Amino acid sequence: MSGIEIAVLSVALMLVLIYLGMHVGIALIVISFGSLFLLRDAELASRMVAAAVNDSISDYLYGVVPLFVLMGMLVSVCGVGRDTFDVAGWLLRRLRGGLGMATVASNAAFAAITGVSIASAAVFTKIAVPEMVRHGHTAKFSVGVVAASSVLGMLIPPSLLMIIYGILAETSIGSLFIAGVIPGLLLALLYCGLIFWMARAWPSFVGTTDVDETPVCKETVGSAAKKALPILSLIVLVLGGLYGGLFTPIEAGAVGALGALVLALVRRRLTPAKMWRVLVETGHVSVAVLFLIMAASLYSRMLSMTGLPAAIGEFITGLGLGGYAFLLVYLLVVLVLGCILDSVSILLILVPIVVPIAESFGMDLIWFGVVTIVAVEIGLITPPFGISVYTVKASLDDRAIGIREIFAGVVPFVLCMLVALGILVAFPVLSTALVR
């Protein structure tokens, strides 16, 4: 078998194994080892595995993973999500559909200090859904807003997906973080605009609510400012330090984790038992991510040896396809894979293949990364995989709301995300304006 045939077979077999339930990291290592064995011999394959294990996570750069995970875990036990929702609900109480917009705004703020969509989905399912249903919104709309807005956690920095993409594409994680700010805000604004329109034009979907919705809680300017101060301080500390050039991404993660720890201690929310649980969960998540990065490093080296990325690039060039035609095909593949695979698996499989091709077309890898992550995020809320949808279902106190109802609730927001994706493709400056 030629190198190209081995590579194509390895990608196809990888998709099958992951879909059948094999852990993506194990699948990457097994397939890569087998492919290297077919390409050369068992000795080389063993050496490549050892080199990947030694080289892929020994770099100082990978310290960014546990630090941002720790910050997100600490924030999740502080009660910041509830306070953020209270403040947003109070500010938007005069608007029809204001609680839906408050959920989006709260998720956007929460995303800026967690970076994990699943955490946002779990927190706001318990906080926002009961309040929206109590104030007259339909269950379908309520769970749809929470599931859809939770994906902001993977776009608004810090984001684990951006860290993984940056490592795979060998591009600046700090620049990716900064580049995600405008697209994240754009998607949040589009969500709010959609909710504002649906509340007037589609009351059967949203529910019948008065314009002057009862606020989630009786807030004053002083109490709202007191609740908003902690999360705003963390956002300014982390993103302000990154944007201002005061911190590297790793230093920003360390400062953010320290700030979250101080916040948890000041609020007296961090008991010894909770602290132990936070550290254990941080370890579990960090090890899982770093193991995936190690496996992806081996997979990327195997693909380079087969010559598949270069062959695909030459094939596309030979067809006379331009950069945007390639991008369209690539995004369609990502959207299809999003229906059957999780976000990390898609990045690990595709990024090592497509980044060299994107570079050959002269594409900015920062912009390409933002577009990729938005496309991957759509898979978080589309059937049958839709991990954010299943997280919402698992976190619901109301068992009468089924998976079908949640998927139906996110349909308008999926269309909204496609619009956002189109805007970001058409106007790359939205992703690169703050980086340049």
Protein backbone atom coordinates (compact mmCIF):
# COMPACT_ATOMS: atom_id res chain seq x y z
CA MET A 1 0.00 0.00 0.00
CA SER A 2 1.16 3.52 -0.75
CA GLY A 3 1.47 6.19 1.92
CA ILE A 4 -1.62 8.00 0.64
CA GLU A 5 -3.71 4.82 0.73
CA ILE A 6 -2.57 4.09 4.28
CA ALA A 7 -3.43 7.65 5.36
CA VAL A 8 -6.91 7.56 3.80
CA LEU A 9 -7.60 4.16 5.35
CA SER A 10 -6.37 5.41 8.75
CA VAL A 11 -8.70 8.43 8.70
CA ALA A 12 -11.69 6.29 7.71
CA LEU A 13 -10.90 3.67 10.37
CA MET A 14 -10.42 6.45 12.94
CA LEU A 15 -13.92 7.80 12.31
CA VAL A 16 -15.39 4.32 12.64
CA LEU A 17 -13.59 3.54 15.91
CA ILE A 18 -14.49 6.87 17.52
CA TYR A 19 -18.12 6.55 16.45
CA LEU A 20 -18.22 3.02 17.90
CA GLY A 21 -17.16 4.44 21.26
CA MET A 22 -13.39 4.02 21.46
CA HIS A 23 -11.69 6.86 23.33
CA VAL A 24 -10.39 9.33 20.76
CA GLY A 25 -6.88 9.39 22.24
CA ILE A 26 -6.60 5.60 22.18
CA ALA A 27 -7.93 5.53 18.61
CA LEU A 28 -5.36 8.11 17.49
CA ILE A 29 -2.45 6.20 19.03
CA VAL A 30 -3.54 2.76 17.79
CA ILE A 31 -4.23 3.95 14.26
CA SER A 32 -1.03 6.02 14.10
CA PHE A 33 1.10 3.13 15.37
CA GLY A 34 -0.47 0.72 12.90
CA SER A 35 -0.02 3.15 10.01
CA LEU A 36 3.63 3.76 10.89
CA PHE A 37 4.18 0.00 11.13
CA LEU A 38 2.78 -0.41 7.59
CA LEU A 39 4.80 2.53 6.31
CA ARG A 40 8.15 1.43 7.78
CA ASP A 41 8.52 -1.10 10.61
CA ALA A 42 7.67 -1.77 14.25
CA GLU A 43 10.91 -0.26 15.55
CA LEU A 44 10.28 3.11 13.90
CA ALA A 45 6.65 3.07 15.03
CA SER A 46 7.76 2.47 18.64
CA ARG A 47 10.33 5.27 18.45
CA MET A 48 7.74 7.67 17.04
CA VAL A 49 5.35 6.87 19.88
CA ALA A 50 8.10 7.48 22.45
CA ALA A 51 9.10 10.74 20.76
CA ALA A 52 5.50 11.95 20.66
CA VAL A 53 5.04 11.20 24.37
CA ASN A 54 8.30 12.94 25.28
CA ASP A 55 8.11 15.97 22.98
CA SER A 56 4.41 16.79 22.67
CA ILE A 57 3.66 17.88 26.25
CA SER A 58 7.11 18.72 27.64
CA ASP A 59 6.94 22.30 26.37
CA TYR A 60 6.25 25.12 28.83
CA LEU A 61 3.34 26.15 26.61
CA TYR A 62 1.18 23.25 27.78
CA GLY A 63 0.97 24.70 31.27
CA VAL A 64 -1.88 26.83 29.94
CA VAL A 65 -4.23 23.83 30.02
CA PRO A 66 -4.38 23.02 33.77
CA LEU A 67 -4.27 26.71 34.75
CA PHE A 68 -7.36 27.74 32.77
CA VAL A 69 -9.16 24.54 33.77
CA LEU A 70 -8.43 25.31 37.43
CA MET A 71 -9.73 28.86 37.00
CA GLY A 72 -12.95 27.59 35.45
CA MET A 73 -13.46 24.99 38.18
CA LEU A 74 -12.93 27.54 40.95
CA VAL A 75 -15.35 29.99 39.34
CA SER A 76 -18.01 27.29 39.01
CA VAL A 77 -18.14 26.78 42.80
CA CYS A 78 -18.28 30.50 43.63
CA GLY A 79 -21.91 31.18 42.72
CA VAL A 80 -20.78 33.67 40.07
CA GLY A 81 -23.18 32.20 37.50
CA ARG A 82 -26.24 32.97 39.65
CA ASP A 83 -25.08 36.53 40.34
CA THR A 84 -24.35 37.17 36.67
CA PHE A 85 -27.83 35.98 35.69
CA ASP A 86 -29.44 38.13 38.39
CA VAL A 87 -27.68 41.26 37.15
CA ALA A 88 -28.38 40.57 33.47
CA GLY A 89 -32.04 39.79 34.22
CA TRP A 90 -32.36 43.05 36.13
CA LEU A 91 -30.76 45.11 33.35
CA LEU A 92 -32.93 43.56 30.60
CA ARG A 93 -36.19 43.28 32.53
CA ARG A 94 -37.93 45.93 30.41
CA LEU A 95 -37.51 44.01 27.16
CA ARG A 96 -39.83 41.30 25.91
CA GLY A 97 -37.80 38.12 26.00
CA GLY A 98 -35.41 39.87 28.40
CA LEU A 99 -34.73 36.74 30.44
CA GLY A 100 -33.67 34.91 27.29
CA MET A 101 -31.28 37.75 26.46
CA ALA A 102 -30.09 37.74 30.06
CA THR A 103 -29.23 34.05 29.70
CA VAL A 104 -27.17 34.81 26.60
CA ALA A 105 -25.42 37.73 28.30
CA SER A 106 -24.74 35.67 31.42
CA ASN A 107 -23.31 32.81 29.36
CA ALA A 108 -21.08 35.26 27.47
CA ALA A 109 -19.71 36.67 30.73
CA PHE A 110 -19.38 33.22 32.29
CA ALA A 111 -17.58 31.98 29.17
CA ALA A 112 -14.95 34.68 29.60
CA ILE A 113 -13.71 32.99 32.78
CA THR A 114 -14.43 29.30 32.20
CA GLY A 115 -13.78 28.33 28.58
CA VAL A 116 -15.86 25.14 28.74
CA SER A 117 -19.30 24.95 27.14
CA ILE A 118 -20.42 21.99 29.23
CA ALA A 119 -19.85 23.96 32.43
CA SER A 120 -22.01 26.82 31.14
CA ALA A 121 -24.76 24.42 30.04
CA ALA A 122 -24.84 22.68 33.42
CA VAL A 123 -24.82 25.91 35.47
CA PHE A 124 -27.45 27.86 33.53
CA THR A 125 -29.80 24.92 33.05
CA LYS A 126 -30.38 24.98 36.80
CA ILE A 127 -30.37 28.79 37.10
CA ALA A 128 -32.11 30.14 33.99
CA VAL A 129 -34.55 27.47 32.80
CA PRO A 130 -36.77 27.47 35.93
CA GLU A 131 -36.90 31.28 35.94
CA MET A 132 -37.81 31.55 32.26
CA VAL A 133 -40.51 28.89 32.54
CA ARG A 134 -41.90 30.56 35.67
CA HIS A 135 -42.19 33.88 33.84
CA GLY A 136 -44.17 32.44 30.92
CA HIS A 137 -41.59 31.23 28.43
CA THR A 138 -42.10 27.83 26.86
CA ALA A 139 -39.90 24.98 27.99
CA LYS A 140 -38.72 24.49 24.40
CA PHE A 141 -37.50 28.08 24.15
CA SER A 142 -35.98 28.09 27.63
CA VAL A 143 -33.82 24.99 27.15
CA GLY A 144 -32.98 26.05 23.60
CA VAL A 145 -31.56 29.38 24.76
CA VAL A 146 -29.42 27.73 27.44
CA ALA A 147 -28.07 25.00 25.14
CA ALA A 148 -27.32 27.41 22.29
CA SER A 149 -25.72 30.15 24.38
CA SER A 150 -23.52 27.62 26.20
CA VAL A 151 -21.41 27.26 23.03
CA LEU A 152 -20.09 30.77 23.66
CA GLY A 153 -17.77 29.09 26.16
CA MET A 154 -15.72 27.64 23.31
CA LEU A 155 -15.44 30.93 21.39
CA ILE A 156 -15.07 33.71 23.94
CA PRO A 157 -11.60 33.35 25.49
CA PRO A 158 -10.23 31.53 27.34
CA SER A 159 -11.29 28.48 25.34
CA LEU A 160 -10.04 24.90 25.52
CA LEU A 161 -10.82 24.42 21.83
CA MET A 162 -8.65 27.43 20.97
CA ILE A 163 -5.82 26.00 23.05
CA ILE A 164 -6.07 22.67 21.23
CA TYR A 165 -6.29 24.34 17.81
CA GLY A 166 -3.34 26.61 18.61
CA ILE A 167 -1.19 23.65 19.60
CA LEU A 168 -2.16 21.58 16.55
CA ALA A 169 -1.74 24.50 14.12
CA GLU A 170 1.41 25.73 15.89
CA THR A 171 0.05 29.25 16.12
CA SER A 172 -0.22 31.76 18.96
CA ILE A 173 -2.78 30.83 21.61
CA GLY A 174 -2.74 34.39 22.94
CA SER A 175 -3.60 35.74 19.49
CA LEU A 176 -6.40 33.19 19.17
CA PHE A 177 -7.82 34.29 22.52
CA ILE A 178 -7.84 37.93 21.45
CA ALA A 179 -9.24 37.05 18.01
CA GLY A 180 -12.21 35.27 19.61
CA VAL A 181 -13.50 38.37 21.42
CA ILE A 182 -15.29 40.11 18.52
CA PRO A 183 -16.73 36.90 16.98
CA GLY A 184 -17.96 35.85 20.44
CA LEU A 185 -19.68 39.18 21.01
CA LEU A 186 -21.07 39.08 17.47
CA LEU A 187 -22.68 35.68 18.06
CA ALA A 188 -24.08 36.84 21.42
CA LEU A 189 -25.60 39.94 19.79
CA LEU A 190 -27.10 37.85 16.97
CA TYR A 191 -28.65 35.55 19.57
CA CYS A 192 -30.15 38.54 21.41
CA GLY A 193 -31.47 39.98 18.15
CA LEU A 194 -33.04 36.62 17.30
CA ILE A 195 -34.70 36.41 20.71
CA PHE A 196 -35.96 40.00 20.41
CA TRP A 197 -37.51 39.20 17.01
CA MET A 198 -38.98 35.84 18.05
CA ALA A 199 -40.59 37.35 21.16
CA ARG A 200 -42.68 39.54 18.85
CA ALA A 201 -43.08 37.48 15.69
CA TRP A 202 -43.21 33.96 17.12
CA PRO A 203 -44.95 34.08 20.51
CA SER A 204 -46.09 30.44 20.21
CA PHE A 205 -42.41 29.38 20.32
CA VAL A 206 -41.17 31.87 22.90
CA GLY A 207 -44.24 32.02 25.14
CA THR A 208 -46.48 34.87 26.21
CA THR A 209 -44.66 37.29 28.49
CA ASP A 210 -45.34 40.90 29.33
CA VAL A 211 -42.92 43.58 28.21
CA ASP A 212 -42.29 44.51 31.84
CA GLU A 213 -41.14 41.10 32.98
CA THR A 214 -40.79 40.61 36.70
CA PRO A 215 -37.06 40.75 37.44
CA VAL A 216 -35.39 37.59 38.62
CA CYS A 217 -34.74 39.27 41.95
CA LYS A 218 -35.25 42.70 43.44
CA GLU A 219 -32.03 44.43 42.58
CA THR A 220 -30.82 47.96 43.12
CA VAL A 221 -27.98 49.73 41.36
CA GLY A 222 -25.78 49.11 44.38
CA SER A 223 -26.58 45.41 44.75
CA ALA A 224 -26.23 44.82 41.00
CA ALA A 225 -22.84 46.53 40.96
CA LYS A 226 -21.72 44.45 43.94
CA LYS A 227 -22.72 41.21 42.16
CA ALA A 228 -21.18 42.24 38.83
CA LEU A 229 -17.85 43.40 40.26
CA PRO A 230 -16.24 39.95 40.83
CA ILE A 231 -16.83 38.59 37.34
CA LEU A 232 -15.92 41.89 35.67
CA SER A 233 -12.73 42.00 37.69
CA LEU A 234 -11.72 38.53 36.54
CA ILE A 235 -12.52 39.32 32.91
CA VAL A 236 -10.49 42.55 33.02
CA LEU A 237 -7.67 40.77 34.84
CA VAL A 238 -7.34 37.94 32.32
CA LEU A 239 -8.36 39.47 28.99
CA GLY A 240 -7.05 42.93 29.86
CA GLY A 241 -3.68 41.46 30.74
CA LEU A 242 -3.59 39.44 27.52
CA TYR A 243 -4.74 42.29 25.27
CA GLY A 244 -2.45 44.76 26.99
CA GLY A 245 0.56 42.51 26.58
CA LEU A 246 1.10 42.24 30.33
CA PHE A 247 0.71 38.45 30.42
CA THR A 248 1.45 35.52 28.20
CA PRO A 249 -1.46 33.01 27.97
CA ILE A 250 0.19 30.84 30.64
CA GLU A 251 0.72 33.78 32.97
CA ALA A 252 -2.86 34.91 32.35
CA GLY A 253 -4.07 31.45 33.33
CA ALA A 254 -2.04 31.55 36.53
CA VAL A 255 -3.23 35.07 37.43
CA GLY A 256 -6.83 34.12 36.60
CA ALA A 257 -6.65 30.96 38.72
CA LEU A 258 -5.24 32.99 41.63
CA GLY A 259 -7.99 35.59 41.20
CA ALA A 260 -10.67 32.87 41.15
CA LEU A 261 -9.16 31.31 44.28
CA VAL A 262 -9.20 34.64 46.11
CA LEU A 263 -12.80 35.20 45.00
CA ALA A 264 -13.86 31.77 46.25
CA LEU A 265 -12.15 32.33 49.61
CA VAL A 266 -13.60 35.82 50.06
CA ARG A 267 -17.08 34.51 49.34
CA ARG A 268 -16.50 31.60 51.73
CA ARG A 269 -17.71 29.13 49.12
CA LEU A 270 -14.60 26.94 49.13
CA THR A 271 -14.68 24.29 51.84
CA PRO A 272 -11.82 21.78 52.10
CA ALA A 273 -14.06 19.13 50.50
CA LYS A 274 -14.91 21.43 47.56
CA MET A 275 -11.26 22.40 47.12
CA TRP A 276 -10.27 18.75 46.94
CA ARG A 277 -13.02 18.10 44.38
CA VAL A 278 -11.88 21.10 42.32
CA LEU A 279 -8.27 19.87 42.28
CA VAL A 280 -9.27 16.31 41.37
CA GLU A 281 -11.56 17.47 38.54
CA THR A 282 -8.86 19.84 37.29
CA GLY A 283 -6.44 16.93 37.20
CA HIS A 284 -8.89 14.69 35.36
CA VAL A 285 -9.70 17.30 32.71
CA SER A 286 -6.08 18.41 32.27
CA VAL A 287 -4.74 14.87 31.91
CA ALA A 288 -7.48 14.03 29.41
CA VAL A 289 -6.67 17.10 27.29
CA LEU A 290 -2.91 16.60 27.46
CA PHE A 291 -3.29 12.92 26.56
CA LEU A 292 -5.30 13.95 23.50
CA ILE A 293 -2.60 16.45 22.53
CA MET A 294 0.06 13.73 22.85
CA ALA A 295 -1.98 11.36 20.69
CA ALA A 296 -2.66 14.12 18.14
CA SER A 297 1.07 14.85 17.91
CA LEU A 298 1.75 11.24 16.92
CA TYR A 299 -1.16 11.30 14.46
CA SER A 300 0.11 14.54 12.88
CA ARG A 301 3.60 13.11 12.42
CA MET A 302 2.16 9.97 10.84
CA LEU A 303 0.11 12.03 8.36
CA SER A 304 3.16 14.08 7.41
CA MET A 305 5.09 10.90 6.66
CA THR A 306 2.30 9.60 4.42
CA GLY A 307 2.23 12.82 2.39
CA LEU A 308 -1.57 13.09 2.58
CA PRO A 309 -1.81 16.85 3.38
CA ALA A 310 0.52 17.73 0.52
CA ALA A 311 -1.34 15.40 -1.85
CA ILE A 312 -4.71 16.94 -0.97
CA GLY A 313 -3.26 20.41 -1.49
CA GLU A 314 -1.91 19.48 -4.91
CA PHE A 315 -5.22 17.83 -5.83
CA ILE A 316 -7.22 20.94 -4.92
CA THR A 317 -4.77 23.18 -6.76
CA GLY A 318 -5.00 20.92 -9.79
CA LEU A 319 -8.79 21.25 -9.83
CA GLY A 320 -8.38 24.99 -10.02
CA LEU A 321 -10.34 25.54 -6.82
CA GLY A 322 -9.68 28.80 -5.03
CA GLY A 323 -9.21 29.31 -1.35
CA TYR A 324 -12.87 30.01 -0.67
CA ALA A 325 -13.99 26.89 -2.56
CA PHE A 326 -11.64 24.83 -0.40
CA LEU A 327 -12.95 26.60 2.72
CA LEU A 328 -16.57 25.89 1.76
CA VAL A 329 -15.88 22.17 1.28
CA TYR A 330 -13.93 22.05 4.54
CA LEU A 331 -16.68 23.76 6.55
CA LEU A 332 -19.29 21.39 5.11
CA VAL A 333 -17.16 18.44 6.23
CA VAL A 334 -16.84 19.96 9.73
CA LEU A 335 -20.62 20.50 9.95
CA VAL A 336 -21.31 16.91 8.89
CA LEU A 337 -18.76 15.49 11.32
CA GLY A 338 -20.27 17.67 14.05
CA CYS A 339 -23.41 15.53 13.85
CA ILE A 340 -21.53 12.34 14.75
CA LEU A 341 -18.34 13.33 16.60
CA ASP A 342 -17.40 15.58 19.50
CA SER A 343 -15.59 18.88 18.98
CA VAL A 344 -12.15 17.77 20.17
CA SER A 345 -12.20 14.69 17.92
CA ILE A 346 -13.00 16.83 14.87
CA LEU A 347 -10.10 19.18 15.58
CA LEU A 348 -7.67 16.34 16.24
CA ILE A 349 -8.59 14.56 13.01
CA LEU A 350 -8.91 17.48 10.59
CA VAL A 351 -6.55 20.27 11.70
CA PRO A 352 -3.28 18.40 10.95
CA ILE A 353 -4.63 17.71 7.45
CA VAL A 354 -6.10 21.09 6.52
CA VAL A 355 -3.71 23.60 8.10
CA PRO A 356 -0.93 23.00 5.51
CA ILE A 357 -3.54 23.39 2.75
CA ALA A 358 -4.89 26.61 4.29
CA GLU A 359 -1.32 27.95 4.47
CA SER A 360 -0.77 27.09 0.80
CA PHE A 361 -3.72 29.34 -0.05
CA GLY A 362 -2.23 32.14 2.04
CA MET A 363 -4.98 32.03 4.67
CA ASP A 364 -4.44 33.64 8.05
CA LEU A 365 -4.32 30.74 10.53
CA ILE A 366 -5.81 32.88 13.31
CA TRP A 367 -8.89 33.70 11.22
CA PHE A 368 -9.00 30.11 9.95
CA GLY A 369 -8.97 28.90 13.55
CA VAL A 370 -11.85 31.15 14.61
CA VAL A 371 -13.93 30.03 11.63
CA THR A 372 -13.10 26.40 12.37
CA ILE A 373 -14.13 26.70 16.02
CA VAL A 374 -17.45 28.36 15.15
CA ALA A 375 -18.21 25.56 12.68
CA VAL A 376 -17.20 22.93 15.23
CA GLU A 377 -19.38 24.60 17.88
CA ILE A 378 -22.48 24.08 15.75
CA GLY A 379 -22.00 20.36 16.31
CA LEU A 380 -22.43 20.91 20.04
CA ILE A 381 -26.15 21.54 19.52
CA THR A 382 -27.02 19.44 16.46
CA PRO A 383 -28.37 15.86 16.57
CA PRO A 384 -27.58 13.12 17.16
CA PHE A 385 -24.42 13.93 19.15
CA GLY A 386 -25.08 17.46 20.50
CA ILE A 387 -23.14 17.20 23.76
CA SER A 388 -24.46 20.54 25.08
CA VAL A 389 -28.02 19.33 24.52
CA TYR A 390 -27.37 16.15 26.48
CA THR A 391 -25.70 18.18 29.24
CA VAL A 392 -28.82 20.36 29.51
CA LYS A 393 -30.99 17.25 29.66
CA ALA A 394 -28.84 15.69 32.37
CA SER A 395 -28.94 18.90 34.44
CA LEU A 396 -32.70 19.48 34.17
CA ASP A 397 -34.83 19.11 37.26
CA ASP A 398 -37.92 18.75 35.04
CA ARG A 399 -37.77 15.25 33.54
CA ALA A 400 -40.86 15.99 31.42
CA ILE A 401 -38.66 17.94 28.98
CA GLY A 402 -37.20 15.43 26.53
CA ILE A 403 -34.19 15.44 24.21
CA ARG A 404 -36.41 16.06 21.16
CA GLU A 405 -37.82 19.20 22.74
CA ILE A 406 -34.33 20.54 23.47
CA PHE A 407 -33.13 19.84 19.93
CA ALA A 408 -36.27 21.56 18.58
CA GLY A 409 -35.54 24.54 20.82
CA VAL A 410 -32.04 25.07 19.41
CA VAL A 411 -33.03 24.99 15.72
CA PRO A 412 -33.43 28.80 15.37
CA PHE A 413 -30.08 29.28 17.09
CA VAL A 414 -28.33 26.81 14.77
CA LEU A 415 -29.53 28.94 11.85
CA CYS A 416 -28.24 32.01 13.69
CA MET A 417 -24.82 30.38 14.10
CA LEU A 418 -24.71 29.63 10.37
CA VAL A 419 -25.34 33.33 9.70
CA ALA A 420 -22.53 34.23 12.11
CA LEU A 421 -20.23 31.74 10.36
CA GLY A 422 -21.04 33.31 6.99
CA ILE A 423 -20.28 36.80 8.33
CA LEU A 424 -16.93 35.71 9.76
CA VAL A 425 -15.96 34.03 6.48
CA ALA A 426 -16.96 37.10 4.45
CA PHE A 427 -15.27 39.58 6.78
CA PRO A 428 -11.99 38.13 8.14
CA VAL A 429 -11.18 41.50 9.72
CA LEU A 430 -13.69 40.72 12.48
CA SER A 431 -11.38 37.95 13.66
CA THR A 432 -8.08 39.75 13.14
CA ALA A 433 -8.84 43.39 14.02
CA LEU A 434 -7.70 43.12 17.64
CA VAL A 435 -4.69 40.95 16.82
CA ARG A 436 -3.02 43.29 14.34
